[in-house]
N, C-alpha and C. Protein backbone atom coordinates (compact mmCIF):
# COMPACT_ATOMS: atom_id res chain seq x y z
N MET A 1 145.50 -233.64 -175.66
CA MET A 1 146.59 -232.72 -175.94
C MET A 1 146.29 -231.94 -177.23
N GLN A 2 146.63 -230.67 -177.24
CA GLN A 2 146.34 -229.81 -178.39
C GLN A 2 147.28 -230.14 -179.54
N PRO A 3 146.74 -230.42 -180.72
CA PRO A 3 147.62 -230.65 -181.87
C PRO A 3 148.13 -229.32 -182.43
N THR A 4 149.36 -229.34 -182.88
CA THR A 4 149.89 -228.15 -183.55
C THR A 4 149.48 -228.19 -185.01
N THR A 5 149.64 -227.09 -185.69
CA THR A 5 149.31 -227.04 -187.11
C THR A 5 150.16 -228.05 -187.88
N LYS A 6 151.42 -228.17 -187.50
CA LYS A 6 152.34 -229.09 -188.18
C LYS A 6 151.87 -230.54 -187.98
N GLN A 7 151.50 -230.89 -186.74
CA GLN A 7 151.01 -232.24 -186.47
C GLN A 7 149.74 -232.53 -187.27
N TRP A 8 148.86 -231.57 -187.36
CA TRP A 8 147.60 -231.72 -188.10
C TRP A 8 147.89 -232.01 -189.57
N ASN A 9 148.81 -231.25 -190.14
CA ASN A 9 149.12 -231.41 -191.56
C ASN A 9 149.87 -232.70 -191.86
N GLU A 10 150.70 -233.19 -190.93
CA GLU A 10 151.50 -234.39 -191.16
C GLU A 10 150.70 -235.67 -190.95
N ASP A 11 149.61 -235.60 -190.19
CA ASP A 11 148.79 -236.79 -189.93
C ASP A 11 147.99 -237.12 -191.18
N SER A 12 148.17 -238.34 -191.69
CA SER A 12 147.50 -238.72 -192.95
C SER A 12 145.99 -238.92 -192.77
N SER A 13 145.54 -239.12 -191.53
CA SER A 13 144.10 -239.35 -191.32
C SER A 13 143.29 -238.06 -191.24
N THR A 14 143.95 -236.91 -191.19
CA THR A 14 143.22 -235.65 -191.10
C THR A 14 143.11 -234.99 -192.46
N PRO A 15 142.02 -234.30 -192.68
CA PRO A 15 141.88 -233.60 -193.96
C PRO A 15 142.76 -232.35 -194.00
N SER A 16 142.77 -231.71 -195.12
CA SER A 16 143.54 -230.47 -195.28
C SER A 16 143.06 -229.42 -194.28
N ASP A 17 143.95 -228.57 -193.86
CA ASP A 17 143.55 -227.52 -192.91
C ASP A 17 143.01 -226.28 -193.63
N MET A 18 142.93 -226.31 -194.95
CA MET A 18 142.42 -225.16 -195.71
C MET A 18 140.98 -224.80 -195.32
N PRO A 19 140.05 -225.76 -195.24
CA PRO A 19 138.69 -225.38 -194.81
C PRO A 19 138.67 -224.83 -193.39
N ILE A 20 139.55 -225.34 -192.56
CA ILE A 20 139.62 -224.85 -191.17
C ILE A 20 140.05 -223.38 -191.17
N ARG A 21 141.09 -223.10 -191.94
CA ARG A 21 141.57 -221.71 -191.99
C ARG A 21 140.54 -220.79 -192.62
N MET A 22 139.79 -221.31 -193.59
CA MET A 22 138.77 -220.49 -194.25
C MET A 22 137.61 -220.20 -193.29
N TYR A 23 137.20 -221.20 -192.51
CA TYR A 23 136.04 -221.03 -191.65
C TYR A 23 136.38 -220.36 -190.32
N PHE A 24 137.45 -220.81 -189.68
CA PHE A 24 137.77 -220.34 -188.33
C PHE A 24 138.76 -219.16 -188.32
N LYS A 25 139.38 -218.86 -189.41
CA LYS A 25 140.33 -217.75 -189.58
C LYS A 25 141.69 -218.02 -188.90
N THR A 26 141.69 -218.51 -187.65
CA THR A 26 142.96 -218.77 -186.96
C THR A 26 142.95 -220.18 -186.39
N TRP A 27 144.12 -220.72 -186.19
CA TRP A 27 144.26 -222.06 -185.63
C TRP A 27 143.74 -222.10 -184.19
N ASN A 28 144.02 -221.06 -183.40
CA ASN A 28 143.59 -221.03 -182.01
C ASN A 28 142.07 -221.05 -181.88
N THR A 29 141.36 -220.40 -182.80
CA THR A 29 139.90 -220.43 -182.78
C THR A 29 139.40 -221.86 -183.00
N PHE A 30 140.02 -222.57 -183.95
CA PHE A 30 139.66 -223.96 -184.22
C PHE A 30 139.92 -224.84 -183.00
N VAL A 31 141.06 -224.64 -182.35
CA VAL A 31 141.43 -225.43 -181.17
C VAL A 31 140.41 -225.20 -180.05
N LYS A 32 139.98 -223.95 -179.85
CA LYS A 32 138.98 -223.65 -178.81
C LYS A 32 137.65 -224.35 -179.10
N VAL A 33 137.23 -224.34 -180.38
CA VAL A 33 135.97 -224.97 -180.76
C VAL A 33 136.04 -226.49 -180.52
N CYS A 34 137.21 -227.08 -180.70
CA CYS A 34 137.39 -228.52 -180.47
C CYS A 34 137.42 -228.86 -178.98
N GLY A 35 137.44 -227.85 -178.12
CA GLY A 35 137.40 -228.09 -176.69
C GLY A 35 138.76 -228.13 -176.02
N TYR A 36 139.79 -227.79 -176.74
CA TYR A 36 141.12 -227.78 -176.16
C TYR A 36 141.45 -226.39 -175.61
N LYS A 37 142.42 -226.36 -174.73
CA LYS A 37 142.90 -225.09 -174.18
C LYS A 37 144.04 -224.59 -175.07
N THR A 38 143.99 -223.32 -175.45
CA THR A 38 145.06 -222.77 -176.29
C THR A 38 146.25 -222.41 -175.42
N TYR A 39 147.41 -222.56 -176.01
CA TYR A 39 148.64 -222.25 -175.30
C TYR A 39 149.18 -220.91 -175.78
N LYS A 40 149.58 -220.08 -174.82
CA LYS A 40 150.23 -218.83 -175.18
C LYS A 40 151.71 -219.09 -175.32
N PRO A 41 152.33 -218.51 -176.32
CA PRO A 41 153.78 -218.73 -176.47
C PRO A 41 154.53 -218.13 -175.29
N TYR A 42 155.54 -218.83 -174.83
CA TYR A 42 156.35 -218.37 -173.70
C TYR A 42 157.62 -217.73 -174.23
N LEU A 43 157.91 -216.51 -173.78
CA LEU A 43 159.14 -215.83 -174.15
C LEU A 43 160.04 -215.74 -172.93
N SER A 44 161.26 -216.20 -173.09
CA SER A 44 162.21 -216.11 -171.98
C SER A 44 162.62 -214.66 -171.78
N GLU A 45 163.27 -214.38 -170.66
CA GLU A 45 163.73 -213.01 -170.38
C GLU A 45 164.71 -212.56 -171.45
N LEU A 46 165.57 -213.46 -171.90
CA LEU A 46 166.54 -213.13 -172.95
C LEU A 46 165.83 -212.79 -174.25
N ALA A 47 164.79 -213.56 -174.59
CA ALA A 47 164.03 -213.29 -175.81
C ALA A 47 163.34 -211.94 -175.74
N ILE A 48 162.79 -211.61 -174.57
CA ILE A 48 162.12 -210.31 -174.39
C ILE A 48 163.14 -209.18 -174.52
N LYS A 49 164.32 -209.36 -173.89
CA LYS A 49 165.37 -208.35 -173.97
C LYS A 49 165.81 -208.14 -175.42
N ASN A 50 166.01 -209.24 -176.16
CA ASN A 50 166.43 -209.13 -177.56
C ASN A 50 165.35 -208.52 -178.43
N LYS A 51 164.09 -208.79 -178.10
CA LYS A 51 162.98 -208.19 -178.84
C LYS A 51 162.98 -206.67 -178.67
N ILE A 52 163.25 -206.22 -177.45
CA ILE A 52 163.31 -204.78 -177.17
C ILE A 52 164.51 -204.16 -177.87
N LEU A 53 165.67 -204.83 -177.77
CA LEU A 53 166.89 -204.30 -178.40
C LEU A 53 166.77 -204.23 -179.92
N ALA A 54 166.01 -205.14 -180.51
CA ALA A 54 165.86 -205.16 -181.97
C ALA A 54 165.18 -203.91 -182.49
N LYS A 55 164.45 -203.20 -181.62
CA LYS A 55 163.74 -202.00 -182.06
C LYS A 55 164.49 -200.73 -181.71
N LYS A 56 165.72 -200.85 -181.19
CA LYS A 56 166.48 -199.68 -180.79
C LYS A 56 167.73 -199.54 -181.65
N GLY A 57 168.15 -198.32 -181.80
CA GLY A 57 169.42 -198.04 -182.45
C GLY A 57 169.47 -198.46 -183.90
N LYS A 58 170.63 -198.97 -184.31
CA LYS A 58 170.85 -199.31 -185.72
C LYS A 58 169.94 -200.43 -186.21
N ARG A 59 169.44 -201.24 -185.30
CA ARG A 59 168.57 -202.36 -185.70
C ARG A 59 167.14 -201.90 -185.97
N SER A 60 166.80 -200.69 -185.57
CA SER A 60 165.44 -200.20 -185.71
C SER A 60 165.07 -199.99 -187.17
N THR A 61 163.80 -200.20 -187.48
CA THR A 61 163.32 -199.93 -188.84
C THR A 61 163.25 -198.43 -189.11
N ASN A 62 163.25 -197.62 -188.04
CA ASN A 62 163.20 -196.16 -188.20
C ASN A 62 164.58 -195.52 -188.13
N TRP A 63 165.65 -196.30 -188.24
CA TRP A 63 167.01 -195.79 -188.11
C TRP A 63 167.28 -194.75 -189.18
N LYS A 64 167.73 -193.57 -188.76
CA LYS A 64 168.02 -192.48 -189.69
C LYS A 64 169.44 -191.98 -189.51
N GLY A 65 170.35 -192.88 -189.19
CA GLY A 65 171.75 -192.49 -189.07
C GLY A 65 172.14 -192.07 -187.66
N GLY A 66 171.28 -192.20 -186.70
CA GLY A 66 171.62 -191.88 -185.32
C GLY A 66 171.39 -190.44 -184.92
N ARG A 67 170.72 -189.68 -185.73
CA ARG A 67 170.44 -188.27 -185.42
C ARG A 67 168.95 -188.04 -185.65
N ILE A 68 168.23 -187.70 -184.57
CA ILE A 68 166.79 -187.50 -184.68
C ILE A 68 166.40 -186.19 -184.00
N LYS A 69 165.22 -185.72 -184.33
CA LYS A 69 164.67 -184.54 -183.68
C LYS A 69 163.47 -185.01 -182.86
N ASP A 70 163.49 -184.75 -181.55
CA ASP A 70 162.40 -185.22 -180.70
C ASP A 70 161.19 -184.29 -180.79
N LYS A 71 160.13 -184.65 -180.09
CA LYS A 71 158.88 -183.89 -180.20
C LYS A 71 158.98 -182.51 -179.58
N PHE A 72 160.03 -182.24 -178.80
CA PHE A 72 160.22 -180.92 -178.20
C PHE A 72 161.13 -180.02 -179.05
N GLY A 73 161.66 -180.56 -180.15
CA GLY A 73 162.50 -179.77 -181.05
C GLY A 73 163.99 -179.91 -180.81
N TYR A 74 164.41 -180.76 -179.87
CA TYR A 74 165.83 -180.97 -179.60
C TYR A 74 166.39 -182.06 -180.51
N ILE A 75 167.65 -181.89 -180.91
CA ILE A 75 168.33 -182.89 -181.70
C ILE A 75 168.94 -183.91 -180.74
N GLN A 76 168.75 -185.19 -181.05
CA GLN A 76 169.32 -186.26 -180.23
C GLN A 76 170.26 -187.11 -181.07
N ILE A 77 171.33 -187.56 -180.44
CA ILE A 77 172.36 -188.35 -181.11
C ILE A 77 172.39 -189.74 -180.45
N TRP A 78 172.52 -190.79 -181.26
CA TRP A 78 172.61 -192.16 -180.74
C TRP A 78 174.02 -192.41 -180.22
N MET A 79 174.17 -192.44 -178.90
CA MET A 79 175.44 -192.73 -178.23
C MET A 79 175.13 -193.50 -176.94
N PRO A 80 174.81 -194.77 -177.03
CA PRO A 80 174.37 -195.51 -175.84
C PRO A 80 175.45 -195.67 -174.78
N ASP A 81 176.73 -195.50 -175.13
CA ASP A 81 177.81 -195.68 -174.16
C ASP A 81 178.16 -194.39 -173.42
N HIS A 82 177.59 -193.27 -173.81
CA HIS A 82 177.90 -192.00 -173.14
C HIS A 82 177.25 -191.97 -171.75
N PRO A 83 177.96 -191.48 -170.73
CA PRO A 83 177.39 -191.45 -169.38
C PRO A 83 176.11 -190.63 -169.24
N ASN A 84 175.92 -189.62 -170.09
CA ASN A 84 174.71 -188.80 -170.01
C ASN A 84 173.58 -189.29 -170.92
N ALA A 85 173.77 -190.43 -171.60
CA ALA A 85 172.73 -190.96 -172.49
C ALA A 85 171.54 -191.44 -171.67
N LYS A 86 170.37 -191.33 -172.28
CA LYS A 86 169.14 -191.77 -171.63
C LYS A 86 168.99 -193.28 -171.81
N MET A 87 167.90 -193.82 -171.27
CA MET A 87 167.67 -195.27 -171.33
C MET A 87 167.63 -195.78 -172.77
N ALA A 88 167.10 -195.00 -173.68
CA ALA A 88 166.98 -195.44 -175.07
C ALA A 88 168.30 -195.35 -175.83
N GLY A 89 169.35 -194.78 -175.22
CA GLY A 89 170.66 -194.70 -175.85
C GLY A 89 170.94 -193.39 -176.55
N TYR A 90 170.04 -192.42 -176.45
CA TYR A 90 170.22 -191.13 -177.11
C TYR A 90 170.65 -190.08 -176.09
N ILE A 91 171.40 -189.09 -176.57
CA ILE A 91 171.79 -187.95 -175.75
C ILE A 91 171.48 -186.69 -176.56
N HIS A 92 171.03 -185.64 -175.88
CA HIS A 92 170.77 -184.39 -176.58
C HIS A 92 172.09 -183.83 -177.11
N GLU A 93 172.05 -183.36 -178.35
CA GLU A 93 173.27 -182.88 -179.01
C GLU A 93 173.88 -181.71 -178.25
N HIS A 94 173.07 -180.80 -177.72
CA HIS A 94 173.62 -179.64 -177.03
C HIS A 94 174.34 -180.07 -175.75
N ARG A 95 173.83 -181.08 -175.07
CA ARG A 95 174.50 -181.60 -173.86
C ARG A 95 175.80 -182.30 -174.23
N LEU A 96 175.80 -183.01 -175.37
CA LEU A 96 176.99 -183.70 -175.83
C LEU A 96 178.09 -182.70 -176.19
N LYS A 97 177.74 -181.62 -176.87
CA LYS A 97 178.74 -180.63 -177.28
C LYS A 97 179.39 -179.97 -176.07
N ILE A 98 178.60 -179.59 -175.08
CA ILE A 98 179.17 -178.96 -173.89
C ILE A 98 179.98 -179.98 -173.09
N SER A 99 179.50 -181.20 -173.03
CA SER A 99 180.22 -182.27 -172.33
C SER A 99 181.60 -182.49 -172.97
N ASN A 100 181.65 -182.50 -174.30
CA ASN A 100 182.93 -182.65 -175.00
C ASN A 100 183.83 -181.45 -174.76
N LYS A 101 183.25 -180.26 -174.73
CA LYS A 101 184.04 -179.05 -174.48
C LYS A 101 184.67 -179.09 -173.08
N LEU A 102 183.87 -179.54 -172.08
CA LEU A 102 184.38 -179.62 -170.71
C LEU A 102 185.32 -180.80 -170.51
N GLY A 103 185.20 -181.82 -171.36
CA GLY A 103 186.02 -183.01 -171.21
C GLY A 103 185.53 -183.95 -170.12
N ARG A 104 184.29 -183.83 -169.74
CA ARG A 104 183.69 -184.67 -168.70
C ARG A 104 182.18 -184.73 -168.91
N PRO A 105 181.52 -185.76 -168.33
CA PRO A 105 180.06 -185.80 -168.41
C PRO A 105 179.45 -184.65 -167.61
N LEU A 106 178.28 -184.23 -167.99
CA LEU A 106 177.60 -183.15 -167.27
C LEU A 106 177.05 -183.67 -165.95
N GLU A 107 177.06 -182.81 -164.95
CA GLU A 107 176.51 -183.15 -163.65
C GLU A 107 174.98 -183.06 -163.71
N GLN A 108 174.31 -183.65 -162.74
CA GLN A 108 172.84 -183.67 -162.73
C GLN A 108 172.26 -182.26 -162.63
N GLN A 109 172.93 -181.37 -161.91
CA GLN A 109 172.40 -180.02 -161.69
C GLN A 109 172.78 -179.04 -162.80
N GLU A 110 173.43 -179.52 -163.86
CA GLU A 110 173.85 -178.64 -164.95
C GLU A 110 172.85 -178.70 -166.10
N ASN A 111 172.51 -177.53 -166.61
CA ASN A 111 171.61 -177.40 -167.75
C ASN A 111 172.32 -176.64 -168.86
N ILE A 112 171.86 -176.84 -170.08
CA ILE A 112 172.40 -176.10 -171.23
C ILE A 112 171.29 -175.19 -171.75
N HIS A 113 171.63 -173.93 -171.93
CA HIS A 113 170.67 -172.93 -172.40
C HIS A 113 171.03 -172.51 -173.82
N HIS A 114 170.02 -172.46 -174.69
CA HIS A 114 170.20 -171.94 -176.05
C HIS A 114 169.95 -170.44 -176.00
N LYS A 115 170.97 -169.63 -176.30
CA LYS A 115 170.86 -168.17 -176.20
C LYS A 115 169.76 -167.61 -177.09
N ASN A 116 169.65 -168.11 -178.34
CA ASN A 116 168.66 -167.55 -179.26
C ASN A 116 167.30 -168.24 -179.15
N GLY A 117 167.16 -169.22 -178.26
CA GLY A 117 165.89 -169.88 -178.04
C GLY A 117 165.55 -170.98 -179.03
N LYS A 118 166.39 -171.19 -180.04
CA LYS A 118 166.14 -172.24 -181.04
C LYS A 118 166.76 -173.54 -180.55
N ARG A 119 165.93 -174.51 -180.28
CA ARG A 119 166.39 -175.75 -179.67
C ARG A 119 167.22 -176.63 -180.59
N ASP A 120 167.14 -176.39 -181.89
CA ASP A 120 167.93 -177.21 -182.81
C ASP A 120 169.20 -176.47 -183.29
N ASP A 121 169.47 -175.28 -182.76
CA ASP A 121 170.69 -174.53 -183.08
C ASP A 121 171.74 -174.85 -182.02
N ASN A 122 172.58 -175.83 -182.32
CA ASN A 122 173.53 -176.33 -181.33
C ASN A 122 174.97 -175.90 -181.60
N ARG A 123 175.13 -174.72 -182.16
CA ARG A 123 176.49 -174.18 -182.30
C ARG A 123 177.00 -173.82 -180.91
N LEU A 124 178.30 -174.02 -180.67
CA LEU A 124 178.86 -173.73 -179.35
C LEU A 124 178.67 -172.27 -178.95
N CYS A 125 178.71 -171.36 -179.91
CA CYS A 125 178.53 -169.94 -179.58
C CYS A 125 177.10 -169.63 -179.14
N ASN A 126 176.15 -170.55 -179.39
CA ASN A 126 174.76 -170.35 -179.00
C ASN A 126 174.41 -171.07 -177.69
N LEU A 127 175.36 -171.81 -177.13
CA LEU A 127 175.07 -172.60 -175.94
C LEU A 127 175.73 -172.02 -174.70
N GLU A 128 174.98 -172.02 -173.59
CA GLU A 128 175.51 -171.57 -172.30
C GLU A 128 175.30 -172.68 -171.28
N LEU A 129 176.30 -172.87 -170.42
CA LEU A 129 176.18 -173.83 -169.34
C LEU A 129 175.57 -173.13 -168.14
N TRP A 130 174.48 -173.67 -167.63
CA TRP A 130 173.82 -173.12 -166.45
C TRP A 130 173.90 -174.15 -165.34
N ASN A 131 173.94 -173.66 -164.11
CA ASN A 131 173.98 -174.53 -162.95
C ASN A 131 172.79 -174.21 -162.06
N THR A 132 172.04 -175.24 -161.67
CA THR A 132 170.86 -175.03 -160.84
C THR A 132 171.11 -175.34 -159.37
N MET A 133 172.35 -175.71 -159.03
CA MET A 133 172.67 -176.02 -157.65
C MET A 133 172.66 -174.74 -156.82
N GLN A 134 172.07 -174.78 -155.64
CA GLN A 134 172.00 -173.62 -154.76
C GLN A 134 172.42 -174.04 -153.36
N PRO A 135 172.94 -173.11 -152.60
CA PRO A 135 173.32 -173.47 -151.23
C PRO A 135 172.09 -173.81 -150.40
N ALA A 136 172.30 -174.72 -149.44
CA ALA A 136 171.18 -175.18 -148.62
C ALA A 136 170.68 -174.11 -147.67
N GLY A 137 171.55 -173.25 -147.19
CA GLY A 137 171.14 -172.21 -146.23
C GLY A 137 171.72 -170.86 -146.60
N GLN A 138 171.50 -169.88 -145.73
CA GLN A 138 171.98 -168.54 -146.01
C GLN A 138 173.11 -168.11 -145.06
N LYS A 139 173.61 -169.04 -144.26
CA LYS A 139 174.71 -168.69 -143.38
C LYS A 139 175.96 -168.43 -144.21
N ILE A 140 176.83 -167.58 -143.71
CA ILE A 140 178.07 -167.23 -144.42
C ILE A 140 178.90 -168.48 -144.68
N GLU A 141 178.99 -169.37 -143.69
CA GLU A 141 179.79 -170.59 -143.86
C GLU A 141 179.24 -171.44 -145.02
N ASP A 142 177.91 -171.49 -145.13
CA ASP A 142 177.30 -172.26 -146.22
C ASP A 142 177.60 -171.62 -147.58
N LYS A 143 177.54 -170.30 -147.64
CA LYS A 143 177.82 -169.61 -148.90
C LYS A 143 179.27 -169.78 -149.33
N ILE A 144 180.19 -169.73 -148.37
CA ILE A 144 181.61 -169.92 -148.69
C ILE A 144 181.85 -171.35 -149.18
N LYS A 145 181.25 -172.32 -148.51
CA LYS A 145 181.38 -173.72 -148.91
C LYS A 145 180.82 -173.92 -150.32
N TYR A 146 179.68 -173.30 -150.61
CA TYR A 146 179.06 -173.38 -151.92
C TYR A 146 179.96 -172.74 -152.99
N ALA A 147 180.52 -171.58 -152.68
CA ALA A 147 181.39 -170.89 -153.64
C ALA A 147 182.62 -171.73 -153.96
N LYS A 148 183.19 -172.40 -152.96
CA LYS A 148 184.35 -173.26 -153.19
C LYS A 148 183.98 -174.45 -154.08
N GLN A 149 182.80 -175.01 -153.86
CA GLN A 149 182.34 -176.12 -154.71
C GLN A 149 182.21 -175.69 -156.16
N ILE A 150 181.61 -174.54 -156.38
CA ILE A 150 181.43 -174.02 -157.73
C ILE A 150 182.78 -173.75 -158.39
N LEU A 151 183.71 -173.11 -157.66
CA LEU A 151 185.03 -172.83 -158.22
C LEU A 151 185.78 -174.10 -158.57
N LYS A 152 185.68 -175.10 -157.72
CA LYS A 152 186.35 -176.38 -157.99
C LYS A 152 185.75 -177.06 -159.21
N LEU A 153 184.42 -177.03 -159.34
CA LEU A 153 183.74 -177.68 -160.44
C LEU A 153 184.03 -177.04 -161.79
N TYR A 154 184.16 -175.70 -161.78
CA TYR A 154 184.30 -174.99 -163.06
C TYR A 154 185.66 -174.30 -163.22
N GLU A 155 186.70 -174.76 -162.56
CA GLU A 155 188.00 -174.10 -162.66
C GLU A 155 188.59 -174.21 -164.06
N ASN A 156 188.23 -175.22 -164.84
CA ASN A 156 188.78 -175.40 -166.20
C ASN A 156 187.83 -174.92 -167.29
N TYR A 157 186.77 -174.26 -166.95
CA TYR A 157 185.78 -173.86 -167.95
C TYR A 157 186.23 -172.64 -168.71
């Protein structure tokens, strides 16, 4: 059976582990040389989940108050409970502002356009709501059905 470092140090018949650490650098290297099989530490699913959570949000070492600028130039806000938040818990500020203005989460087919092209300029006067949904066909019945859907969706805008 593989001895642990603690067992090695507590056993009075063994010498100090200082020469071992000096020569072999790591305990696992010493264990391999002695002919034992090294054990990999086992992490439970809960431990893995907590390890991941520890690096997100307020617990992160890179926490800057919940407001960051991503590599594309968009401002992101830490709001993990918002329906439009991504897996990491952040939502784009421009999507959040329009969502708050509408009083509902944004639909999948809705995009926000910055009028002046500056991705970090999230003033409401600079943001436009765009819809990418299109009717499936060109029949009159389909166009009327599509128009009714759009009117119903944006009647309070």
